Amino acid sequence: MPSETALLSVHAAVVFLAAAVIGLVMGCLVFLHDKSVPAAVATGLVAAKGSVPVLHKLIG
């Protein structure tokens, strides 16, 4: 009988979800300001990537 193991821990899932929300919000704000999709996507990715280490330390 195969055991069910989680792909991610709950902590990692919460960190990645919060980072995704931050990236989406930042991307939407840049898009609303500049009307530029590439700038919005780049900003969202950079914001999400930059927030993961900080969230990992804060959410514990």
C-alpha atoms as a PDB file:
ATOM      1  CA  MET A   1       0.000   0.000   0.000  1.00  0.00           C
ATOM      2  CA  PRO A   2       1.679   3.272  -1.076  1.00  0.00           C
ATOM      3  CA  SER A   3       2.030   5.942   1.559  1.00  0.00           C
ATOM      4  CA  GLU A   4       0.809   9.428   0.779  1.00  0.00           C
ATOM      5  CA  THR A   5       3.467  12.060   1.279  1.00  0.00           C
ATOM      6  CA  ALA A   6       2.999  15.732   0.730  1.00  0.00           C
ATOM      7  CA  LEU A   7       4.864  17.429  -2.080  1.00  0.00           C
ATOM      8  CA  LEU A   8       5.363  20.550   0.062  1.00  0.00           C
ATOM      9  CA  SER A   9       5.138  21.214   3.750  1.00  0.00           C
ATOM     10  CA  VAL A  10       2.399  23.508   4.987  1.00  0.00           C
ATOM     11  CA  HIS A  11       4.993  26.164   5.788  1.00  0.00           C
ATOM     12  CA  ALA A  12       6.385  26.122   2.244  1.00  0.00           C
ATOM     13  CA  ALA A  13       2.902  26.221   0.734  1.00  0.00           C
ATOM     14  CA  VAL A  14       1.942  29.266   2.802  1.00  0.00           C
ATOM     15  CA  VAL A  15       5.178  31.047   1.902  1.00  0.00           C
ATOM     16  CA  PHE A  16       4.728  30.371  -1.830  1.00  0.00           C
ATOM     17  CA  LEU A  17       1.062  31.386  -1.729  1.00  0.00           C
ATOM     18  CA  ALA A  18       1.866  34.657   0.038  1.00  0.00           C
ATOM     19  CA  ALA A  19       4.687  35.347  -2.432  1.00  0.00           C
ATOM     20  CA  ALA A  20       2.322  34.692  -5.342  1.00  0.00           C
ATOM     21  CA  VAL A  21      -0.221  37.135  -3.918  1.00  0.00           C
ATOM     22  CA  ILE A  22       2.475  39.778  -3.450  1.00  0.00           C
ATOM     23  CA  GLY A  23       3.688  39.241  -7.015  1.00  0.00           C
ATOM     24  CA  LEU A  24       0.165  39.484  -8.425  1.00  0.00           C
ATOM     25  CA  VAL A  25      -0.606  42.668  -6.517  1.00  0.00           C
ATOM     26  CA  MET A  26       2.644  44.330  -7.559  1.00  0.00           C
ATOM     27  CA  GLY A  27       2.167  43.253 -11.172  1.00  0.00           C
ATOM     28  CA  CYS A  28      -1.391  44.584 -11.243  1.00  0.00           C
ATOM     29  CA  LEU A  29      -0.341  47.906  -9.756  1.00  0.00           C
ATOM     30  CA  VAL A  30       2.430  48.350 -12.321  1.00  0.00           C
ATOM     31  CA  PHE A  31       0.072  47.399 -15.136  1.00  0.00           C
ATOM     32  CA  LEU A  32      -2.521  49.909 -13.973  1.00  0.00           C
ATOM     33  CA  HIS A  33       0.137  52.613 -13.794  1.00  0.00           C
ATOM     34  CA  ASP A  34       2.176  51.960 -16.951  1.00  0.00           C
ATOM     35  CA  LYS A  35      -0.230  49.921 -19.138  1.00  0.00           C
ATOM     36  CA  SER A  36       2.730  47.694 -20.005  1.00  0.00           C
ATOM     37  CA  VAL A  37       2.331  43.925 -19.760  1.00  0.00           C
ATOM     38  CA  PRO A  38       6.064  43.077 -19.912  1.00  0.00           C
ATOM     39  CA  ALA A  39       6.861  45.552 -17.138  1.00  0.00           C
ATOM     40  CA  ALA A  40       4.012  44.200 -15.022  1.00  0.00           C
ATOM     41  CA  VAL A  41       5.136  40.590 -15.461  1.00  0.00           C
ATOM     42  CA  ALA A  42       8.756  41.438 -14.700  1.00  0.00           C
ATOM     43  CA  THR A  43       7.783  43.401 -11.600  1.00  0.00           C
ATOM     44  CA  GLY A  44       5.516  40.611 -10.380  1.00  0.00           C
ATOM     45  CA  LEU A  45       8.224  37.985 -10.791  1.00  0.00           C
ATOM     46  CA  VAL A  46      10.864  40.110  -9.077  1.00  0.00           C
ATOM     47  CA  ALA A  47       8.512  40.951  -6.197  1.00  0.00           C
ATOM     48  CA  ALA A  48       7.535  37.313  -5.699  1.00  0.00           C
ATOM     49  CA  LYS A  49      11.152  36.119  -5.865  1.00  0.00           C
ATOM     50  CA  GLY A  50      12.326  38.807  -3.479  1.00  0.00           C
ATOM     51  CA  SER A  51       9.612  38.155  -0.923  1.00  0.00           C
ATOM     52  CA  VAL A  52      10.189  34.392  -0.539  1.00  0.00           C
ATOM     53  CA  PRO A  53      13.270  34.608   1.757  1.00  0.00           C
ATOM     54  CA  VAL A  54      11.681  37.313   3.886  1.00  0.00           C
ATOM     55  CA  LEU A  55       8.413  35.406   4.213  1.00  0.00           C
ATOM     56  CA  HIS A  56      10.289  32.220   5.034  1.00  0.00           C
ATOM     57  CA  LYS A  57      11.815  33.960   8.041  1.00  0.00           C
ATOM     58  CA  LEU A  58       8.609  35.760   9.089  1.00  0.00           C
ATOM     59  CA  ILE A  59       6.185  32.851   8.794  1.00  0.00           C
ATOM     60  CA  GLY A  60       7.411  30.264  11.182  1.00  0.00           C
END
